[in-house]
Amino acid sequence: SGGAHNRFYGELETWLSAQTRIGGGPEEDEPGFANDIGEQLAFVSQQMGALNRIIAEGEDRRALDSGKIAEAMASMERIAAQAVAERETIAEAVAAQSRIVAAVERMAEGGGVGGDGGMDTETRRHIRNIDLLIAKLIEESAAGRVETAEALRREVRAVHRAVNDMTNAIGGVTPR
């Protein structure tokens, strides 16, 4: 940034020296032509002040865009942590369901009065409810993964826009 700044000023100085005319010429009669060197220097000073304001505004936009990018990155980190936590919860639910299935199979193998595997009606109802709740938990986890992925996509788009805006601002193009 500093090198570009210095190079710009060097090129501006070269251009201004090429454009500056001291002494007479036909342009002196044109409206708006500064006959006095003091007027010319005042004009150049005014233009340099305007240029400094533009550069300061660009720095402010760059700082703002950097802040937006940092916020988006922090949000993406939170989403990633949430996805990891959901993955762990799903793994625990699958392990619990496997243990329940194994226990039910052991009970069924044990036999029982009336060929019902030793389970009464209430036990079977509880097992059915547990199975339904685990299936619902798995469905909700899948929906949560979809929502997390969509939130991650939105954050990536926000980062992309911020980087584009910053690139356009640096390149002199007005941001969208």
Protein backbone atom coordinates (compact mmCIF):
# COMPACT_ATOMS: atom_id res chain seq x y z
CA SER A 1 0.00 0.00 0.00
CA GLY A 2 2.81 2.40 0.92
CA GLY A 3 4.73 1.59 -2.25
CA ALA A 4 1.66 2.15 -4.38
CA HIS A 5 0.99 5.40 -2.55
CA ASN A 6 4.54 6.65 -3.18
CA ARG A 7 4.48 5.53 -6.81
CA PHE A 8 1.17 7.34 -7.33
CA TYR A 9 2.53 10.57 -5.89
CA GLY A 10 5.66 10.25 -8.04
CA GLU A 11 3.60 9.78 -11.18
CA LEU A 12 1.28 12.63 -10.16
CA GLU A 13 4.25 14.92 -9.62
CA THR A 14 5.67 13.98 -13.03
CA TRP A 15 2.33 14.59 -14.69
CA LEU A 16 1.83 17.90 -12.92
CA SER A 17 5.28 19.10 -13.92
CA ALA A 18 4.51 18.19 -17.53
CA GLN A 19 1.19 20.08 -17.35
CA THR A 20 2.49 23.18 -15.60
CA ARG A 21 3.32 26.13 -17.80
CA ILE A 22 5.12 29.04 -16.35
CA GLY A 23 5.18 32.07 -18.57
CA GLY A 24 3.19 33.21 -21.51
CA GLY A 25 1.35 31.18 -24.03
CA PRO A 26 -1.94 31.29 -25.85
CA GLU A 27 -3.64 29.41 -22.99
CA GLU A 28 -3.33 32.44 -20.73
CA ASP A 29 -6.25 34.06 -22.47
CA GLU A 30 -8.54 31.07 -21.84
CA PRO A 31 -11.12 31.40 -19.05
CA GLY A 32 -10.05 29.72 -15.82
CA PHE A 33 -6.33 29.86 -16.65
CA ALA A 34 -4.26 30.82 -13.64
CA ASN A 35 -1.78 33.53 -14.61
CA ASP A 36 -0.21 33.63 -11.21
CA ILE A 37 2.08 30.85 -9.94
CA GLY A 38 0.50 31.30 -6.52
CA GLU A 39 -2.91 30.53 -8.01
CA GLN A 40 -1.49 27.46 -9.71
CA LEU A 41 0.07 26.25 -6.48
CA ALA A 42 -3.20 26.87 -4.61
CA PHE A 43 -5.04 24.83 -7.24
CA VAL A 44 -2.51 21.97 -6.97
CA SER A 45 -2.73 22.13 -3.19
CA GLN A 46 -6.53 21.94 -3.38
CA GLN A 47 -6.33 18.95 -5.70
CA MET A 48 -3.81 17.21 -3.41
CA GLY A 49 -6.15 17.79 -0.45
CA ALA A 50 -9.01 16.21 -2.41
CA LEU A 51 -6.75 13.29 -3.30
CA ASN A 52 -5.79 12.82 0.35
CA ARG A 53 -9.49 12.76 1.31
CA ILE A 54 -10.18 10.12 -1.33
CA ILE A 55 -7.27 8.01 -0.07
CA ALA A 56 -8.50 8.37 3.54
CA GLU A 57 -12.01 7.31 2.49
CA GLY A 58 -10.54 4.27 0.74
CA GLU A 59 -8.66 3.33 3.90
CA ASP A 60 -11.85 3.70 5.93
CA ARG A 61 -13.71 1.42 3.50
CA ARG A 62 -10.88 -1.10 3.63
CA ALA A 63 -10.98 -1.12 7.44
CA LEU A 64 -14.77 -1.54 7.38
CA ASP A 65 -14.53 -4.39 4.87
CA SER A 66 -11.82 -6.06 6.94
CA GLY A 67 -14.13 -5.88 9.95
CA LYS A 68 -16.96 -7.45 7.95
CA ILE A 69 -14.67 -10.26 6.82
CA ALA A 70 -13.56 -10.88 10.41
CA GLU A 71 -17.20 -11.05 11.55
CA ALA A 72 -18.06 -13.47 8.75
CA MET A 73 -15.08 -15.68 9.62
CA ALA A 74 -16.12 -15.75 13.30
CA SER A 75 -19.65 -16.67 12.28
CA MET A 76 -18.33 -19.46 10.04
CA GLU A 77 -16.27 -20.79 12.96
CA ARG A 78 -19.40 -20.86 15.16
CA ILE A 79 -21.33 -22.71 12.44
CA ALA A 80 -18.51 -25.24 12.05
CA ALA A 81 -18.44 -25.83 15.83
CA GLN A 82 -22.20 -26.31 15.80
CA ALA A 83 -21.90 -28.84 12.97
CA VAL A 84 -19.28 -30.80 14.93
CA ALA A 85 -21.53 -30.81 18.01
CA GLU A 86 -24.48 -32.04 15.94
CA ARG A 87 -22.33 -34.77 14.41
CA GLU A 88 -21.33 -35.94 17.90
CA THR A 89 -24.97 -35.93 19.04
CA ILE A 90 -25.97 -38.03 16.04
CA ALA A 91 -23.15 -40.48 16.75
CA GLU A 92 -24.32 -40.80 20.37
CA ALA A 93 -27.93 -41.34 19.22
CA VAL A 94 -26.87 -44.05 16.77
CA ALA A 95 -24.81 -45.78 19.47
CA ALA A 96 -27.76 -45.62 21.90
CA GLN A 97 -30.09 -47.03 19.29
CA SER A 98 -27.65 -49.87 18.60
CA ARG A 99 -27.56 -50.69 22.33
CA ILE A 100 -31.36 -50.65 22.49
CA VAL A 101 -31.65 -52.95 19.48
CA ALA A 102 -29.15 -55.36 21.03
CA ALA A 103 -31.07 -55.35 24.33
CA VAL A 104 -34.37 -55.96 22.56
CA GLU A 105 -32.84 -58.83 20.59
CA ARG A 106 -31.52 -60.39 23.81
CA MET A 107 -34.96 -60.08 25.37
CA ALA A 108 -36.58 -61.64 22.33
CA GLU A 109 -34.14 -64.55 22.39
CA GLY A 110 -34.96 -65.19 26.03
CA GLY A 111 -38.43 -66.31 25.08
CA GLY A 112 -41.24 -65.94 27.50
CA VAL A 113 -44.78 -66.82 28.28
CA GLY A 114 -47.01 -66.71 25.25
CA GLY A 115 -44.10 -66.28 22.80
CA ASP A 116 -43.88 -62.55 23.39
CA GLY A 117 -40.18 -62.59 24.28
CA GLY A 118 -40.80 -61.96 27.95
CA MET A 119 -42.13 -58.46 27.33
CA ASP A 120 -45.43 -57.20 28.51
CA THR A 121 -47.56 -54.76 26.54
CA GLU A 122 -46.26 -51.70 28.37
CA THR A 123 -42.60 -52.64 27.70
CA ARG A 124 -43.32 -53.06 24.02
CA ARG A 125 -45.09 -49.70 23.93
CA HIS A 126 -42.10 -48.01 25.60
CA ILE A 127 -39.69 -49.61 23.14
CA ARG A 128 -41.89 -48.49 20.24
CA ASN A 129 -41.93 -44.92 21.63
CA ILE A 130 -38.15 -44.97 22.07
CA ASP A 131 -37.72 -46.15 18.50
CA LEU A 132 -40.05 -43.41 17.20
CA LEU A 133 -38.27 -40.72 19.23
CA ILE A 134 -34.86 -41.85 17.98
CA ALA A 135 -36.13 -41.79 14.39
CA LYS A 136 -37.47 -38.26 14.99
CA LEU A 137 -34.11 -37.21 16.48
CA ILE A 138 -32.31 -38.50 13.41
CA GLU A 139 -34.72 -36.61 11.10
CA GLU A 140 -34.26 -33.38 13.07
CA SER A 141 -30.49 -33.80 13.00
CA ALA A 142 -30.60 -34.17 9.23
CA ALA A 143 -32.73 -31.03 8.98
CA GLY A 144 -30.26 -29.25 11.28
CA ARG A 145 -27.40 -30.25 8.98
CA VAL A 146 -29.26 -28.77 6.02
CA GLU A 147 -29.88 -25.52 7.95
CA THR A 148 -26.23 -25.41 9.04
CA ALA A 149 -25.04 -25.92 5.48
CA GLU A 150 -27.34 -23.13 4.26
CA ALA A 151 -26.09 -20.78 6.99
CA LEU A 152 -22.52 -21.62 6.01
CA ARG A 153 -23.33 -20.86 2.36
CA ARG A 154 -24.80 -17.47 3.35
CA GLU A 155 -21.68 -16.62 5.34
CA VAL A 156 -19.40 -17.62 2.45
CA ARG A 157 -21.46 -15.40 0.12
CA ALA A 158 -21.12 -12.51 2.60
CA VAL A 159 -17.34 -12.99 2.71
CA HIS A 160 -17.26 -13.15 -1.09
CA ARG A 161 -19.23 -9.88 -1.37
CA ALA A 162 -17.01 -8.17 1.20
CA VAL A 163 -13.86 -9.26 -0.63
CA ASN A 164 -15.31 -8.11 -3.96
CA ASP A 165 -16.31 -4.76 -2.46
CA MET A 166 -12.85 -4.32 -1.01
CA THR A 167 -11.21 -5.31 -4.29
CA ASN A 168 -13.44 -2.93 -6.23
CA ALA A 169 -12.77 -0.11 -3.76
CA ILE A 170 -9.02 -0.62 -4.07
CA GLY A 171 -9.28 -0.79 -7.85
CA GLY A 172 -11.14 2.53 -7.93
CA VAL A 173 -14.46 0.97 -8.89
CA THR A 174 -17.46 2.05 -6.86
CA PRO A 175 -18.69 -0.90 -4.70
CA ARG A 176 -22.12 -2.39 -5.36
